Amino acid sequence: MNITQINNARLKFFKMSLSKDGIFIGRVLIQSEDGIFPLICFNSFVSKISSASEDDVISVEGTFKDYSYSDYNGVLHFVKLMLITSITINGIKQSATAEEKKQHEEYWKRIKNIYQVIDIVEFERLSKMEGAVELCCP
């Protein structure tokens, strides 16, 4: 499992939902010098990100997951989506325990084919904004 880090990013979009299994799901878009990154997080990380604003400096660590979605024209897109394992907001860090990491992997397996884990409208809007950096997919 390769852990990737994104530093000095800004929050561009956050949306929270509750799955029918009682899992809080956070859909996040952050922007760094390297581009716009879609992220997904669960439970305690959702509450941590929900307190962030666009002015906060955010760094995240996690693993990239392959994700595909169809846009409103039916065109299939493939992206890398980061599953957050650690987040730092304005110098305050929260990391998942080994048990939480296992849980998050299980949550990912359960939801990836059931829920829309990227807000397609915001994702595409941000990627097409004038002067925006291309969406990042390592």
N, C-alpha and C. Protein backbone atom coordinates (compact mmCIF):
# COMPACT_ATOMS: atom_id res chain seq x y z
N MET A 1 0.85 -1.17 0.00
CA MET A 1 0.00 0.00 0.00
C MET A 1 0.90 1.24 0.00
N ASN A 2 0.87 2.03 -1.05
CA ASN A 2 1.69 3.23 -1.16
C ASN A 2 0.97 4.42 -0.56
N ILE A 3 1.60 5.04 0.43
CA ILE A 3 1.05 6.23 1.06
C ILE A 3 1.57 7.44 0.29
N THR A 4 0.68 8.33 -0.05
CA THR A 4 1.02 9.55 -0.77
C THR A 4 0.67 10.74 0.11
N GLN A 5 1.41 11.81 -0.05
CA GLN A 5 1.18 13.01 0.75
C GLN A 5 0.94 14.20 -0.16
N ILE A 6 -0.03 15.03 0.21
CA ILE A 6 -0.31 16.29 -0.49
C ILE A 6 -0.18 17.39 0.56
N ASN A 7 0.69 18.35 0.31
CA ASN A 7 0.96 19.41 1.29
C ASN A 7 0.46 20.76 0.83
N ASN A 8 0.24 21.64 1.79
CA ASN A 8 -0.10 23.05 1.55
C ASN A 8 -1.27 23.22 0.58
N ALA A 9 -2.32 22.49 0.83
CA ALA A 9 -3.51 22.56 -0.02
C ALA A 9 -4.57 23.43 0.63
N ARG A 10 -5.57 23.78 -0.15
CA ARG A 10 -6.73 24.56 0.32
C ARG A 10 -8.00 23.78 0.00
N LEU A 11 -8.94 23.86 0.92
CA LEU A 11 -10.23 23.20 0.74
C LEU A 11 -11.02 23.92 -0.35
N LYS A 12 -11.50 23.18 -1.33
CA LYS A 12 -12.31 23.77 -2.41
C LYS A 12 -13.75 23.31 -2.34
N PHE A 13 -13.99 22.11 -1.78
CA PHE A 13 -15.35 21.58 -1.71
C PHE A 13 -15.40 20.50 -0.65
N PHE A 14 -16.51 20.49 0.10
CA PHE A 14 -16.73 19.44 1.09
C PHE A 14 -18.22 19.13 1.15
N LYS A 15 -18.53 17.85 1.14
CA LYS A 15 -19.93 17.42 1.28
C LYS A 15 -19.92 16.15 2.13
N MET A 16 -20.86 16.09 3.07
CA MET A 16 -20.94 14.96 3.97
C MET A 16 -22.27 14.25 3.77
N SER A 17 -22.25 12.93 3.91
CA SER A 17 -23.50 12.16 3.88
C SER A 17 -23.37 10.99 4.85
N LEU A 18 -24.50 10.38 5.15
CA LEU A 18 -24.54 9.23 6.04
C LEU A 18 -25.06 8.04 5.24
N SER A 19 -24.27 6.96 5.21
CA SER A 19 -24.70 5.77 4.47
C SER A 19 -25.79 5.05 5.25
N LYS A 20 -26.48 4.17 4.58
CA LYS A 20 -27.53 3.40 5.27
C LYS A 20 -26.94 2.47 6.32
N ASP A 21 -25.62 2.23 6.26
CA ASP A 21 -24.92 1.42 7.26
C ASP A 21 -24.46 2.25 8.46
N GLY A 22 -24.74 3.56 8.43
CA GLY A 22 -24.32 4.43 9.53
C GLY A 22 -22.90 4.93 9.43
N ILE A 23 -22.33 4.93 8.22
CA ILE A 23 -20.97 5.41 8.00
C ILE A 23 -21.05 6.85 7.49
N PHE A 24 -20.36 7.77 8.17
CA PHE A 24 -20.27 9.13 7.66
C PHE A 24 -19.25 9.14 6.53
N ILE A 25 -19.64 9.68 5.39
CA ILE A 25 -18.79 9.73 4.20
C ILE A 25 -18.52 11.19 3.86
N GLY A 26 -17.25 11.55 3.73
CA GLY A 26 -16.88 12.90 3.34
C GLY A 26 -16.32 12.91 1.94
N ARG A 27 -16.90 13.74 1.08
CA ARG A 27 -16.39 13.93 -0.28
C ARG A 27 -15.70 15.28 -0.29
N VAL A 28 -14.44 15.29 -0.67
CA VAL A 28 -13.62 16.49 -0.52
C VAL A 28 -12.86 16.75 -1.82
N LEU A 29 -12.71 18.03 -2.16
CA LEU A 29 -11.80 18.45 -3.22
C LEU A 29 -10.86 19.46 -2.61
N ILE A 30 -9.56 19.23 -2.75
CA ILE A 30 -8.56 20.20 -2.29
C ILE A 30 -7.71 20.61 -3.48
N GLN A 31 -7.12 21.80 -3.37
CA GLN A 31 -6.24 22.28 -4.43
C GLN A 31 -4.90 22.64 -3.84
N SER A 32 -3.85 22.11 -4.47
CA SER A 32 -2.47 22.45 -4.10
C SER A 32 -1.79 22.98 -5.36
N GLU A 33 -0.50 23.25 -5.25
CA GLU A 33 0.26 23.70 -6.42
C GLU A 33 0.21 22.66 -7.54
N ASP A 34 0.04 21.40 -7.17
CA ASP A 34 0.06 20.31 -8.14
C ASP A 34 -1.27 20.04 -8.80
N GLY A 35 -2.34 20.70 -8.35
CA GLY A 35 -3.64 20.50 -8.98
C GLY A 35 -4.76 20.30 -7.99
N ILE A 36 -5.87 19.80 -8.51
CA ILE A 36 -7.06 19.55 -7.71
C ILE A 36 -7.16 18.05 -7.47
N PHE A 37 -7.35 17.68 -6.21
CA PHE A 37 -7.39 16.28 -5.82
C PHE A 37 -8.73 15.92 -5.20
N PRO A 38 -9.37 14.86 -5.66
CA PRO A 38 -10.56 14.35 -4.98
C PRO A 38 -10.15 13.42 -3.84
N LEU A 39 -10.78 13.59 -2.70
CA LEU A 39 -10.49 12.78 -1.52
C LEU A 39 -11.77 12.18 -0.99
N ILE A 40 -11.63 11.11 -0.25
CA ILE A 40 -12.76 10.54 0.48
C ILE A 40 -12.29 10.21 1.88
N CYS A 41 -13.18 10.44 2.84
CA CYS A 41 -12.84 10.14 4.22
C CYS A 41 -14.08 9.62 4.95
N PHE A 42 -13.85 9.04 6.11
CA PHE A 42 -14.93 8.44 6.87
C PHE A 42 -14.91 8.89 8.32
N ASN A 43 -16.06 8.87 8.93
CA ASN A 43 -16.31 9.08 10.35
C ASN A 43 -15.53 10.23 10.97
N SER A 44 -14.52 9.97 11.82
CA SER A 44 -13.86 11.06 12.55
C SER A 44 -13.15 12.04 11.62
N PHE A 45 -12.67 11.58 10.47
CA PHE A 45 -12.04 12.48 9.52
C PHE A 45 -13.07 13.42 8.89
N VAL A 46 -14.30 12.96 8.78
CA VAL A 46 -15.37 13.81 8.24
C VAL A 46 -15.60 14.99 9.17
N SER A 47 -15.66 14.74 10.48
CA SER A 47 -15.88 15.85 11.41
C SER A 47 -14.67 16.78 11.44
N LYS A 48 -13.47 16.24 11.28
CA LYS A 48 -12.26 17.08 11.25
C LYS A 48 -12.29 18.01 10.04
N ILE A 49 -12.59 17.49 8.86
CA ILE A 49 -12.62 18.31 7.65
C ILE A 49 -13.79 19.28 7.66
N SER A 50 -14.89 18.89 8.27
CA SER A 50 -16.06 19.77 8.28
C SER A 50 -15.78 21.08 9.00
N SER A 51 -14.77 21.11 9.85
CA SER A 51 -14.42 22.34 10.57
C SER A 51 -13.45 23.22 9.78
N ALA A 52 -12.96 22.74 8.65
CA ALA A 52 -11.98 23.50 7.85
C ALA A 52 -12.68 24.53 6.98
N SER A 53 -11.94 25.59 6.65
CA SER A 53 -12.44 26.61 5.73
C SER A 53 -11.46 26.74 4.57
N GLU A 54 -11.83 27.54 3.58
CA GLU A 54 -10.95 27.72 2.41
C GLU A 54 -9.64 28.40 2.77
N ASP A 55 -9.59 29.08 3.91
CA ASP A 55 -8.37 29.78 4.32
C ASP A 55 -7.39 28.88 5.06
N ASP A 56 -7.82 27.71 5.48
CA ASP A 56 -6.96 26.81 6.24
C ASP A 56 -5.96 26.11 5.34
N VAL A 57 -4.79 25.84 5.90
CA VAL A 57 -3.75 25.09 5.19
C VAL A 57 -3.93 23.62 5.56
N ILE A 58 -4.07 22.78 4.54
CA ILE A 58 -4.36 21.37 4.74
C ILE A 58 -3.27 20.51 4.10
N SER A 59 -2.84 19.50 4.84
CA SER A 59 -1.97 18.46 4.30
C SER A 59 -2.63 17.13 4.58
N VAL A 60 -2.58 16.22 3.63
CA VAL A 60 -3.20 14.91 3.81
C VAL A 60 -2.24 13.81 3.39
N GLU A 61 -2.42 12.66 4.00
CA GLU A 61 -1.74 11.44 3.59
C GLU A 61 -2.81 10.40 3.34
N GLY A 62 -2.54 9.52 2.41
CA GLY A 62 -3.51 8.47 2.14
C GLY A 62 -3.06 7.60 0.99
N THR A 63 -3.95 6.74 0.59
CA THR A 63 -3.68 5.83 -0.53
C THR A 63 -4.62 6.18 -1.67
N PHE A 64 -4.08 6.15 -2.88
CA PHE A 64 -4.90 6.42 -4.05
C PHE A 64 -5.67 5.17 -4.46
N LYS A 65 -6.92 5.38 -4.79
CA LYS A 65 -7.81 4.32 -5.24
C LYS A 65 -8.27 4.65 -6.65
N ASP A 66 -8.42 3.63 -7.48
CA ASP A 66 -8.97 3.83 -8.81
C ASP A 66 -10.48 4.00 -8.69
N TYR A 67 -11.01 4.97 -9.41
CA TYR A 67 -12.44 5.22 -9.36
C TYR A 67 -12.89 5.65 -10.75
N SER A 68 -14.04 5.17 -11.16
CA SER A 68 -14.59 5.59 -12.45
C SER A 68 -16.01 6.09 -12.24
N TYR A 69 -16.40 7.03 -13.07
CA TYR A 69 -17.76 7.56 -13.02
C TYR A 69 -18.17 8.00 -14.41
N SER A 70 -19.46 8.06 -14.64
CA SER A 70 -19.99 8.56 -15.91
C SER A 70 -20.51 9.97 -15.68
N ASP A 71 -20.14 10.87 -16.59
CA ASP A 71 -20.64 12.24 -16.47
C ASP A 71 -22.07 12.29 -17.01
N TYR A 72 -22.63 13.49 -17.05
CA TYR A 72 -24.02 13.63 -17.46
C TYR A 72 -24.25 13.38 -18.94
N ASN A 73 -23.17 13.26 -19.70
CA ASN A 73 -23.28 12.90 -21.12
C ASN A 73 -23.05 11.41 -21.33
N GLY A 74 -22.88 10.68 -20.23
CA GLY A 74 -22.65 9.24 -20.32
C GLY A 74 -21.22 8.85 -20.63
N VAL A 75 -20.30 9.83 -20.60
CA VAL A 75 -18.89 9.55 -20.88
C VAL A 75 -18.24 9.02 -19.60
N LEU A 76 -17.53 7.91 -19.72
CA LEU A 76 -16.87 7.29 -18.59
C LEU A 76 -15.52 7.97 -18.33
N HIS A 77 -15.26 8.32 -17.07
CA HIS A 77 -14.01 8.96 -16.66
C HIS A 77 -13.35 8.09 -15.60
N PHE A 78 -12.02 8.05 -15.63
CA PHE A 78 -11.25 7.33 -14.63
C PHE A 78 -10.38 8.33 -13.90
N VAL A 79 -10.40 8.28 -12.57
CA VAL A 79 -9.60 9.18 -11.76
C VAL A 79 -8.97 8.40 -10.61
N LYS A 80 -7.99 9.02 -9.99
CA LYS A 80 -7.42 8.52 -8.75
C LYS A 80 -8.06 9.33 -7.63
N LEU A 81 -8.53 8.64 -6.64
CA LEU A 81 -9.21 9.25 -5.50
C LEU A 81 -8.43 8.86 -4.26
N MET A 82 -8.08 9.83 -3.41
CA MET A 82 -7.30 9.51 -2.23
C MET A 82 -8.20 9.17 -1.05
N LEU A 83 -7.92 8.03 -0.44
CA LEU A 83 -8.57 7.63 0.81
C LEU A 83 -7.68 8.15 1.94
N ILE A 84 -8.18 9.10 2.71
CA ILE A 84 -7.38 9.79 3.73
C ILE A 84 -7.06 8.86 4.90
N THR A 85 -5.77 8.84 5.28
CA THR A 85 -5.35 8.12 6.49
C THR A 85 -4.78 9.07 7.54
N SER A 86 -4.47 10.30 7.13
CA SER A 86 -3.96 11.31 8.05
C SER A 86 -4.25 12.68 7.47
N ILE A 87 -4.64 13.61 8.35
CA ILE A 87 -4.92 14.97 7.90
C ILE A 87 -4.35 15.96 8.90
N THR A 88 -3.76 17.02 8.37
CA THR A 88 -3.25 18.11 9.20
C THR A 88 -3.92 19.39 8.72
N ILE A 89 -4.57 20.08 9.64
CA ILE A 89 -5.21 21.36 9.33
C ILE A 89 -4.59 22.41 10.23
N ASN A 90 -3.93 23.39 9.62
CA ASN A 90 -3.25 24.46 10.36
C ASN A 90 -2.34 23.91 11.45
N GLY A 91 -1.59 22.86 11.12
CA GLY A 91 -0.61 22.30 12.04
C GLY A 91 -1.14 21.28 13.03
N ILE A 92 -2.45 21.05 13.07
CA ILE A 92 -3.03 20.07 13.99
C ILE A 92 -3.31 18.79 13.21
N LYS A 93 -2.63 17.71 13.63
CA LYS A 93 -2.67 16.46 12.87
C LYS A 93 -3.58 15.43 13.53
N GLN A 94 -4.28 14.68 12.68
CA GLN A 94 -5.07 13.52 13.12
C GLN A 94 -4.73 12.37 12.20
N SER A 95 -4.34 11.25 12.79
CA SER A 95 -3.99 10.07 11.99
C SER A 95 -4.87 8.90 12.38
N ALA A 96 -5.14 8.05 11.42
CA ALA A 96 -5.92 6.84 11.68
C ALA A 96 -5.05 5.80 12.35
N THR A 97 -5.64 5.07 13.28
CA THR A 97 -4.94 3.94 13.88
C THR A 97 -4.92 2.80 12.87
N ALA A 98 -4.15 1.77 13.16
CA ALA A 98 -4.10 0.61 12.27
C ALA A 98 -5.49 0.00 12.11
N GLU A 99 -6.24 -0.07 13.21
CA GLU A 99 -7.61 -0.61 13.15
C GLU A 99 -8.51 0.27 12.29
N GLU A 100 -8.40 1.59 12.44
CA GLU A 100 -9.22 2.51 11.63
C GLU A 100 -8.87 2.38 10.15
N LYS A 101 -7.60 2.22 9.84
CA LYS A 101 -7.19 2.05 8.44
C LYS A 101 -7.85 0.82 7.82
N LYS A 102 -7.89 -0.27 8.58
CA LYS A 102 -8.56 -1.48 8.10
C LYS A 102 -10.05 -1.22 7.89
N GLN A 103 -10.67 -0.53 8.85
CA GLN A 103 -12.09 -0.18 8.73
C GLN A 103 -12.34 0.66 7.50
N HIS A 104 -11.49 1.66 7.28
CA HIS A 104 -11.66 2.55 6.14
C HIS A 104 -11.54 1.79 4.82
N GLU A 105 -10.63 0.83 4.75
CA GLU A 105 -10.50 0.00 3.54
C GLU A 105 -11.79 -0.80 3.32
N GLU A 106 -12.34 -1.33 4.40
CA GLU A 106 -13.60 -2.08 4.29
C GLU A 106 -14.74 -1.16 3.86
N TYR A 107 -14.82 0.04 4.43
CA TYR A 107 -15.85 1.01 4.04
C TYR A 107 -15.73 1.32 2.56
N TRP A 108 -14.48 1.54 2.10
CA TRP A 108 -14.25 1.86 0.70
C TRP A 108 -14.79 0.74 -0.19
N LYS A 109 -14.48 -0.51 0.15
CA LYS A 109 -14.94 -1.65 -0.65
C LYS A 109 -16.47 -1.70 -0.69
N ARG A 110 -17.11 -1.34 0.43
CA ARG A 110 -18.58 -1.38 0.49
C ARG A 110 -19.24 -0.28 -0.31
N ILE A 111 -18.68 0.93 -0.26
CA ILE A 111 -19.39 2.07 -0.85
C ILE A 111 -19.03 2.40 -2.28
N LYS A 112 -17.84 1.99 -2.74
CA LYS A 112 -17.35 2.47 -4.04
C LYS A 112 -18.28 2.16 -5.21
N ASN A 113 -19.02 1.09 -5.14
CA ASN A 113 -19.91 0.74 -6.24
C ASN A 113 -21.37 1.08 -5.97
N ILE A 114 -21.65 1.55 -4.75
CA ILE A 114 -23.03 1.84 -4.37
C ILE A 114 -23.31 3.34 -4.40
N TYR A 115 -22.35 4.13 -3.94
CA TYR A 115 -22.54 5.57 -3.80
C TYR A 115 -21.70 6.33 -4.82
N GLN A 116 -22.17 7.50 -5.19
CA GLN A 116 -21.36 8.41 -6.00
C GLN A 116 -20.38 9.07 -5.04
N VAL A 117 -19.13 8.69 -5.10
CA VAL A 117 -18.16 9.16 -4.12
C VAL A 117 -17.45 10.44 -4.53
N ILE A 118 -17.74 10.94 -5.71
CA ILE A 118 -17.24 12.24 -6.14
C ILE A 118 -18.46 13.08 -6.51
N ASP A 119 -18.48 14.33 -6.06
CA ASP A 119 -19.54 15.24 -6.51
C ASP A 119 -19.15 15.67 -7.92
N ILE A 120 -19.78 15.05 -8.90
CA ILE A 120 -19.39 15.23 -10.31
C ILE A 120 -19.51 16.68 -10.75
N VAL A 121 -20.56 17.37 -10.34
CA VAL A 121 -20.77 18.76 -10.76
C VAL A 121 -19.61 19.63 -10.29
N GLU A 122 -19.27 19.55 -9.01
CA GLU A 122 -18.17 20.36 -8.47
C GLU A 122 -16.83 19.94 -9.06
N PHE A 123 -16.62 18.66 -9.19
CA PHE A 123 -15.38 18.12 -9.73
C PHE A 123 -15.13 18.68 -11.13
N GLU A 124 -16.14 18.62 -11.97
CA GLU A 124 -15.98 19.10 -13.34
C GLU A 124 -15.94 20.63 -13.41
N ARG A 125 -16.71 21.29 -12.55
CA ARG A 125 -16.69 22.76 -12.53
C ARG A 125 -15.30 23.27 -12.17
N LEU A 126 -14.71 22.71 -11.12
CA LEU A 126 -13.39 23.15 -10.71
C LEU A 126 -12.33 22.83 -11.75
N SER A 127 -12.49 21.72 -12.44
CA SER A 127 -11.49 21.35 -13.45
C SER A 127 -11.56 22.24 -14.68
N LYS A 128 -12.70 22.88 -14.90
CA LYS A 128 -12.87 23.70 -16.10
C LYS A 128 -12.77 25.19 -15.83
N MET A 129 -12.61 25.57 -14.56
CA MET A 129 -12.52 26.99 -14.23
C MET A 129 -11.36 27.63 -14.98
N GLU A 130 -11.56 28.86 -15.37
CA GLU A 130 -10.50 29.57 -16.07
C GLU A 130 -9.30 29.70 -15.16
N GLY A 131 -8.15 29.29 -15.65
CA GLY A 131 -6.92 29.38 -14.87
C GLY A 131 -6.74 28.25 -13.88
N ALA A 132 -7.65 27.30 -13.85
CA ALA A 132 -7.52 26.20 -12.89
C ALA A 132 -6.43 25.24 -13.34
N VAL A 133 -5.82 24.61 -12.39
CA VAL A 133 -4.82 23.60 -12.68
C VAL A 133 -5.56 22.32 -13.05
N GLU A 134 -4.97 21.52 -13.91
CA GLU A 134 -5.61 20.26 -14.31
C GLU A 134 -5.85 19.37 -13.11
N LEU A 135 -6.87 18.54 -13.20
CA LEU A 135 -7.14 17.56 -12.15
C LEU A 135 -5.98 16.58 -12.09
N CYS A 136 -5.60 16.24 -10.90
CA CYS A 136 -4.43 15.40 -10.73
C CYS A 136 -4.76 13.95 -10.59
N CYS A 137 -4.07 13.18 -11.28
CA CYS A 137 -4.19 11.73 -11.18
C CYS A 137 -2.79 11.15 -11.32
N PRO A 138 -2.16 10.75 -10.20
CA PRO A 138 -0.78 10.24 -10.28
C PRO A 138 -0.68 8.95 -11.07
